């Protein structure tokens, strides 16, 4: 993310999700990458999945809100 290689970040977070599908942070972080790429629908989908796993995850609410 720091290097602004958002497509690579999406690939890495996707691999993380495949290994740990119940980790809200991976969905939320991938949502941030999608947000930076202006892929708002994908950002919203990932933020909502993160919130489904952990309804207290504030970053996911923030990312979903920015995408909306």
C-alpha atoms as a PDB file:
ATOM      1  CA  UNK A   1       0.000   0.000   0.000  1.00  0.00           C
ATOM      2  CA  UNK A   2       2.776   2.455   0.887  1.00  0.00           C
ATOM      3  CA  UNK A   3       4.351   2.033  -2.542  1.00  0.00           C
ATOM      4  CA  UNK A   4       0.953   2.739  -4.145  1.00  0.00           C
ATOM      5  CA  UNK A   5       1.002  -0.573  -5.989  1.00  0.00           C
ATOM      6  CA  UNK A   6      -2.686  -1.123  -5.382  1.00  0.00           C
ATOM      7  CA  UNK A   7      -3.186  -3.954  -7.881  1.00  0.00           C
ATOM      8  CA  UNK A   8      -0.382  -5.901  -6.198  1.00  0.00           C
ATOM      9  CA  UNK A   9      -1.910  -5.108  -2.805  1.00  0.00           C
ATOM     10  CA  UNK A  10      -5.248  -6.537  -3.984  1.00  0.00           C
ATOM     11  CA  UNK A  11      -3.483  -9.723  -5.103  1.00  0.00           C
ATOM     12  CA  UNK A  12      -1.703 -10.083  -1.764  1.00  0.00           C
ATOM     13  CA  UNK A  13      -4.816  -9.433   0.328  1.00  0.00           C
ATOM     14  CA  UNK A  14      -6.745 -11.898  -1.852  1.00  0.00           C
ATOM     15  CA  UNK A  15      -4.146 -14.571  -1.078  1.00  0.00           C
ATOM     16  CA  UNK A  16      -4.418 -13.718   2.606  1.00  0.00           C
ATOM     17  CA  UNK A  17      -8.210 -14.087   2.436  1.00  0.00           C
ATOM     18  CA  UNK A  18      -7.835 -17.481   0.765  1.00  0.00           C
ATOM     19  CA  UNK A  19      -5.666 -18.643   3.684  1.00  0.00           C
ATOM     20  CA  UNK A  20      -7.548 -16.850   6.499  1.00  0.00           C
ATOM     21  CA  UNK A  21     -11.118 -16.237   5.273  1.00  0.00           C
ATOM     22  CA  UNK A  22     -12.341 -15.026   8.667  1.00  0.00           C
ATOM     23  CA  UNK A  23      -9.814 -12.199   9.087  1.00  0.00           C
ATOM     24  CA  UNK A  24     -11.698  -8.899   8.868  1.00  0.00           C
ATOM     25  CA  UNK A  25      -8.499  -6.864   8.468  1.00  0.00           C
ATOM     26  CA  UNK A  26      -7.645  -8.507   5.148  1.00  0.00           C
ATOM     27  CA  UNK A  27     -11.026  -7.580   3.684  1.00  0.00           C
ATOM     28  CA  UNK A  28     -10.787  -4.070   5.064  1.00  0.00           C
ATOM     29  CA  UNK A  29      -7.277  -3.573   3.728  1.00  0.00           C
ATOM     30  CA  UNK A  30      -8.258  -4.887   0.314  1.00  0.00           C
ATOM     31  CA  UNK A  31     -11.227  -2.496   0.453  1.00  0.00           C
ATOM     32  CA  UNK A  32      -8.743   0.351   0.928  1.00  0.00           C
ATOM     33  CA  UNK A  33      -6.777  -0.769  -2.129  1.00  0.00           C
ATOM     34  CA  UNK A  34      -9.993  -0.886  -4.158  1.00  0.00           C
ATOM     35  CA  UNK A  35     -10.896   2.564  -2.863  1.00  0.00           C
ATOM     36  CA  UNK A  36      -7.565   3.961  -4.053  1.00  0.00           C
ATOM     37  CA  UNK A  37      -8.186   2.331  -7.458  1.00  0.00           C
ATOM     38  CA  UNK A  38     -11.665   3.939  -7.551  1.00  0.00           C
ATOM     39  CA  UNK A  39     -13.313   0.513  -7.688  1.00  0.00           C
ATOM     40  CA  UNK A  40     -16.043   1.589  -5.320  1.00  0.00           C
ATOM     41  CA  UNK A  41     -18.345  -1.429  -5.698  1.00  0.00           C
ATOM     42  CA  UNK A  42     -15.542  -3.820  -4.789  1.00  0.00           C
ATOM     43  CA  UNK A  43     -14.549  -1.585  -1.886  1.00  0.00           C
ATOM     44  CA  UNK A  44     -18.098  -1.641  -0.528  1.00  0.00           C
ATOM     45  CA  UNK A  45     -18.335  -5.433  -0.930  1.00  0.00           C
ATOM     46  CA  UNK A  46     -15.099  -5.989   0.999  1.00  0.00           C
ATOM     47  CA  UNK A  47     -15.962  -3.476   3.703  1.00  0.00           C
ATOM     48  CA  UNK A  48     -19.309  -5.172   4.224  1.00  0.00           C
ATOM     49  CA  UNK A  49     -17.655  -8.594   4.431  1.00  0.00           C
ATOM     50  CA  UNK A  50     -15.244  -7.221   7.044  1.00  0.00           C
ATOM     51  CA  UNK A  51     -18.210  -5.887   9.023  1.00  0.00           C
ATOM     52  CA  UNK A  52     -20.001  -9.208   8.729  1.00  0.00           C
ATOM     53  CA  UNK A  53     -16.970 -10.835  10.371  1.00  0.00           C
ATOM     54  CA  UNK A  54     -16.412  -8.049  12.915  1.00  0.00           C
ATOM     55  CA  UNK A  55     -19.225  -5.487  13.327  1.00  0.00           C
ATOM     56  CA  UNK A  56     -16.971  -3.331  15.530  1.00  0.00           C
ATOM     57  CA  UNK A  57     -14.282  -2.820  12.849  1.00  0.00           C
ATOM     58  CA  UNK A  58     -14.370   0.977  12.484  1.00  0.00           C
ATOM     59  CA  UNK A  59     -11.996   1.175   9.513  1.00  0.00           C
ATOM     60  CA  UNK A  60     -14.419  -0.922   7.460  1.00  0.00           C
ATOM     61  CA  UNK A  61     -17.236   1.545   8.210  1.00  0.00           C
ATOM     62  CA  UNK A  62     -14.973   4.423   7.191  1.00  0.00           C
ATOM     63  CA  UNK A  63     -13.922   2.769   3.922  1.00  0.00           C
ATOM     64  CA  UNK A  64     -17.487   1.845   3.034  1.00  0.00           C
ATOM     65  CA  UNK A  65     -18.576   5.404   3.745  1.00  0.00           C
ATOM     66  CA  UNK A  66     -15.857   6.906   1.550  1.00  0.00           C
ATOM     67  CA  UNK A  67     -16.788   4.546  -1.294  1.00  0.00           C
ATOM     68  CA  UNK A  68     -20.432   5.491  -1.032  1.00  0.00           C
END
